[in-house]
Amino acid sequence: MRPLALLAAFALLAACSDAGGLSASSGGIYAPGPSGAPDVDGLIVGHRLMAANEAELALSAYGRAAAERGLDVDTLSAMGSANLRLGRLGQAERLLRRAVALDGDFAPAWNNLGVVLMETGRIAEAAESFRRAFGLVNGSDDMVRDNLRRALAKRDDALYAGSNETEEFQLVRRGSSEYTILTAL
């Protein structure tokens, strides 16, 4: 019985040796290629990379997604967000403006456009972007609400600071008991 068991083991090994292993015909020591593997959504990969603070890699993944599915609101918004994270504000603004032009009801694009506008000092326009995003999510997103609150506070501070310019006054005595207030120039 011993030789029969040994023969069965060899037959089993021979059957398994070319069943998708790492043989020379399938690429040697490298893993098998994508044939038969499920397609990976570049947007999902990019979102995971953004969550891992890998914005440059995420931008590449978003680019692959755009090549596969086209420049739709999701890919434009995602690429704009990655550029925002990388500090490329001009590129981010152009992509996010294209996204909201394609779909004016996409709250993440409005929110991220507001962030770009805040970063570039356009507070009133940023407040309007946040207001649109806030309306689209019906006030249910805390981050959008906080962004809107900050933008409105900063806008209002700028308005009050500009109108709150204090003029200097001088008190001038005219005669023995008469005083006049003059504006200093």
Protein backbone atom coordinates (compact mmCIF):
# COMPACT_ATOMS: atom_id res chain seq x y z
CA MET A 1 0.00 0.00 0.00
CA ARG A 2 2.85 2.31 0.54
CA PRO A 3 3.78 2.56 -3.18
CA LEU A 4 0.15 3.26 -4.05
CA ALA A 5 -0.03 6.17 -1.59
CA LEU A 6 3.23 7.57 -2.96
CA LEU A 7 1.89 7.32 -6.52
CA ALA A 8 -1.33 9.10 -5.51
CA ALA A 9 0.66 11.92 -3.88
CA PHE A 10 2.75 12.42 -7.03
CA ALA A 11 -0.38 12.45 -9.17
CA LEU A 12 -1.94 15.05 -6.87
CA LEU A 13 1.17 17.25 -7.00
CA ALA A 14 1.38 16.99 -10.76
CA ALA A 15 -2.25 18.03 -11.11
CA CYS A 16 -1.73 21.10 -8.94
CA SER A 17 1.58 22.28 -10.37
CA ASP A 18 0.15 24.25 -13.35
CA ALA A 19 -3.23 25.22 -11.91
CA GLY A 20 -2.60 28.96 -11.78
CA GLY A 21 0.57 28.91 -9.72
CA LEU A 22 3.58 31.11 -10.25
CA SER A 23 5.09 29.20 -13.16
CA ALA A 24 7.28 30.80 -15.83
CA SER A 25 4.44 30.76 -18.34
CA SER A 26 2.23 32.90 -16.12
CA GLY A 27 4.79 35.61 -15.44
CA GLY A 28 7.34 33.91 -13.23
CA ILE A 29 7.58 35.23 -9.70
CA TYR A 30 5.08 38.01 -10.32
CA ALA A 31 1.42 37.76 -9.44
CA PRO A 32 -1.04 36.90 -12.18
CA GLY A 33 -2.37 39.80 -14.22
CA PRO A 34 -5.85 41.33 -14.11
CA SER A 35 -7.39 38.72 -16.40
CA GLY A 36 -10.23 37.19 -14.52
CA ALA A 37 -9.83 39.64 -11.64
CA PRO A 38 -12.82 41.91 -10.93
CA ASP A 39 -12.53 45.53 -12.09
CA VAL A 40 -11.52 47.91 -9.35
CA ASP A 41 -13.35 51.25 -9.26
CA GLY A 42 -10.79 54.05 -9.37
CA LEU A 43 -13.11 56.32 -7.39
CA ILE A 44 -13.27 53.89 -4.49
CA VAL A 45 -9.51 53.41 -4.55
CA GLY A 46 -9.03 57.18 -4.68
CA HIS A 47 -11.42 57.78 -1.78
CA ARG A 48 -9.54 55.23 0.32
CA LEU A 49 -6.23 56.84 -0.56
CA MET A 50 -7.60 60.27 0.38
CA ALA A 51 -8.70 58.85 3.73
CA ALA A 52 -5.13 57.57 4.17
CA ASN A 53 -3.74 61.08 3.38
CA GLU A 54 -2.26 59.93 0.07
CA ALA A 55 -3.65 62.70 -2.11
CA GLU A 56 -1.11 62.33 -4.95
CA LEU A 57 -1.89 58.63 -5.31
CA ALA A 58 -5.60 59.37 -5.01
CA LEU A 59 -5.33 61.89 -7.84
CA SER A 60 -3.81 59.17 -10.03
CA ALA A 61 -6.63 56.78 -9.12
CA TYR A 62 -9.20 59.47 -9.90
CA GLY A 63 -7.49 60.04 -13.25
CA ARG A 64 -7.83 56.34 -14.05
CA ALA A 65 -11.50 56.50 -13.06
CA ALA A 66 -11.99 59.50 -15.35
CA ALA A 67 -10.35 57.60 -18.21
CA GLU A 68 -12.74 54.69 -17.67
CA ARG A 69 -16.00 56.50 -17.01
CA GLY A 70 -15.39 60.01 -18.33
CA LEU A 71 -15.29 63.39 -16.67
CA ASP A 72 -18.55 63.26 -14.77
CA VAL A 73 -19.45 65.17 -11.62
CA ASP A 74 -17.98 62.44 -9.39
CA THR A 75 -14.58 62.32 -11.07
CA LEU A 76 -14.32 66.10 -11.46
CA SER A 77 -15.24 66.65 -7.82
CA ALA A 78 -12.85 63.95 -6.63
CA MET A 79 -9.95 65.30 -8.69
CA GLY A 80 -10.74 68.81 -7.44
CA SER A 81 -10.70 67.59 -3.84
CA ALA A 82 -7.34 65.86 -4.31
CA ASN A 83 -5.88 69.02 -5.84
CA LEU A 84 -7.28 71.02 -2.94
CA ARG A 85 -5.57 68.70 -0.47
CA LEU A 86 -2.31 69.09 -2.43
CA GLY A 87 -2.60 72.88 -2.24
CA ARG A 88 -3.17 73.30 -5.98
CA LEU A 89 -5.98 75.78 -5.50
CA GLY A 90 -6.24 77.01 -9.10
CA GLN A 91 -6.58 73.50 -10.47
CA ALA A 92 -8.99 72.56 -7.71
CA GLU A 93 -11.19 75.57 -8.40
CA ARG A 94 -11.36 74.88 -12.16
CA LEU A 95 -12.30 71.22 -11.61
CA LEU A 96 -14.88 71.98 -8.93
CA ARG A 97 -16.47 74.73 -11.01
CA ARG A 98 -16.80 72.24 -13.87
CA ALA A 99 -18.38 69.75 -11.47
CA VAL A 100 -21.04 72.18 -10.23
CA ALA A 101 -21.69 73.29 -13.81
CA LEU A 102 -22.43 69.66 -14.72
CA ASP A 103 -24.60 69.03 -11.67
CA GLY A 104 -25.68 71.96 -9.56
CA ASP A 105 -27.21 69.59 -7.01
CA PHE A 106 -23.94 67.90 -5.99
CA ALA A 107 -23.31 69.16 -2.45
CA PRO A 108 -19.73 67.84 -2.01
CA ALA A 109 -18.55 69.85 -5.02
CA TRP A 110 -20.20 73.03 -3.69
CA ASN A 111 -18.68 72.47 -0.25
CA ASN A 112 -15.18 71.86 -1.62
CA LEU A 113 -15.48 74.84 -3.95
CA GLY A 114 -16.34 76.90 -0.87
CA VAL A 115 -13.18 75.68 0.83
CA VAL A 116 -11.09 76.73 -2.18
CA LEU A 117 -12.75 80.15 -2.20
CA MET A 118 -12.11 80.59 1.53
CA GLU A 119 -8.47 79.67 1.02
CA THR A 120 -8.14 82.27 -1.74
CA GLY A 121 -9.78 85.00 0.34
CA ARG A 122 -13.09 85.22 -1.53
CA ILE A 123 -15.19 84.96 1.61
CA ALA A 124 -18.55 86.18 0.30
CA GLU A 125 -18.42 83.79 -2.66
CA ALA A 126 -17.34 80.97 -0.35
CA ALA A 127 -20.30 81.67 1.94
CA GLU A 128 -22.62 81.38 -1.06
CA SER A 129 -21.06 78.03 -2.06
CA PHE A 130 -21.45 76.72 1.48
CA ARG A 131 -25.03 78.03 1.56
CA ARG A 132 -25.84 76.03 -1.58
CA ALA A 133 -24.22 72.88 -0.17
CA PHE A 134 -26.08 73.38 3.11
CA GLY A 135 -29.40 73.66 1.30
CA LEU A 136 -28.69 70.56 -0.77
CA VAL A 137 -28.03 68.43 2.33
CA ASN A 138 -30.99 70.01 4.17
CA GLY A 139 -28.68 71.11 6.96
CA SER A 140 -27.95 67.52 7.94
CA ASP A 141 -24.17 67.59 7.35
CA ASP A 142 -22.25 68.95 10.33
CA MET A 143 -19.14 69.73 8.29
CA VAL A 144 -21.08 71.79 5.74
CA ARG A 145 -22.92 73.59 8.54
CA ASP A 146 -19.64 74.42 10.30
CA ASN A 147 -18.08 75.63 7.05
CA LEU A 148 -21.07 77.87 6.39
CA ARG A 149 -20.99 79.22 9.93
CA ARG A 150 -17.25 80.04 9.68
CA ALA A 151 -17.65 81.71 6.29
CA LEU A 152 -20.56 83.84 7.45
CA ALA A 153 -18.70 84.87 10.60
CA LYS A 154 -15.59 85.77 8.63
CA ARG A 155 -17.65 87.65 6.04
CA ASP A 156 -19.52 89.56 8.73
CA ASP A 157 -16.29 90.38 10.55
CA ALA A 158 -14.87 91.77 7.32
CA LEU A 159 -18.01 93.84 6.72
CA TYR A 160 -18.04 95.26 10.23
CA ALA A 161 -14.30 95.86 10.24
CA GLY A 162 -14.61 97.85 7.02
CA SER A 163 -17.55 99.95 8.22
CA ASN A 164 -16.20 100.29 11.74
CA GLU A 165 -13.36 102.57 10.76
CA THR A 166 -13.11 104.97 13.62
CA GLU A 167 -12.55 108.58 12.85
CA GLU A 168 -10.36 110.55 15.13
CA PHE A 169 -12.00 113.46 16.86
CA GLN A 170 -10.52 116.44 18.62
CA LEU A 171 -12.15 118.54 21.21
CA VAL A 172 -11.47 122.23 20.56
CA ARG A 173 -12.24 125.02 22.98
CA ARG A 174 -13.93 128.08 21.53
CA GLY A 175 -14.20 130.84 23.98
CA SER A 176 -14.41 130.46 27.73
CA SER A 177 -17.08 127.72 27.96
CA GLU A 178 -17.80 126.60 24.45
CA TYR A 179 -16.29 123.42 22.93
CA THR A 180 -16.54 122.09 19.40
CA ILE A 181 -15.80 118.58 18.22
CA LEU A 182 -13.76 118.55 15.01
CA THR A 183 -12.93 115.61 12.83
CA ALA A 184 -9.20 115.13 12.47
CA LEU A 185 -8.07 114.73 8.87
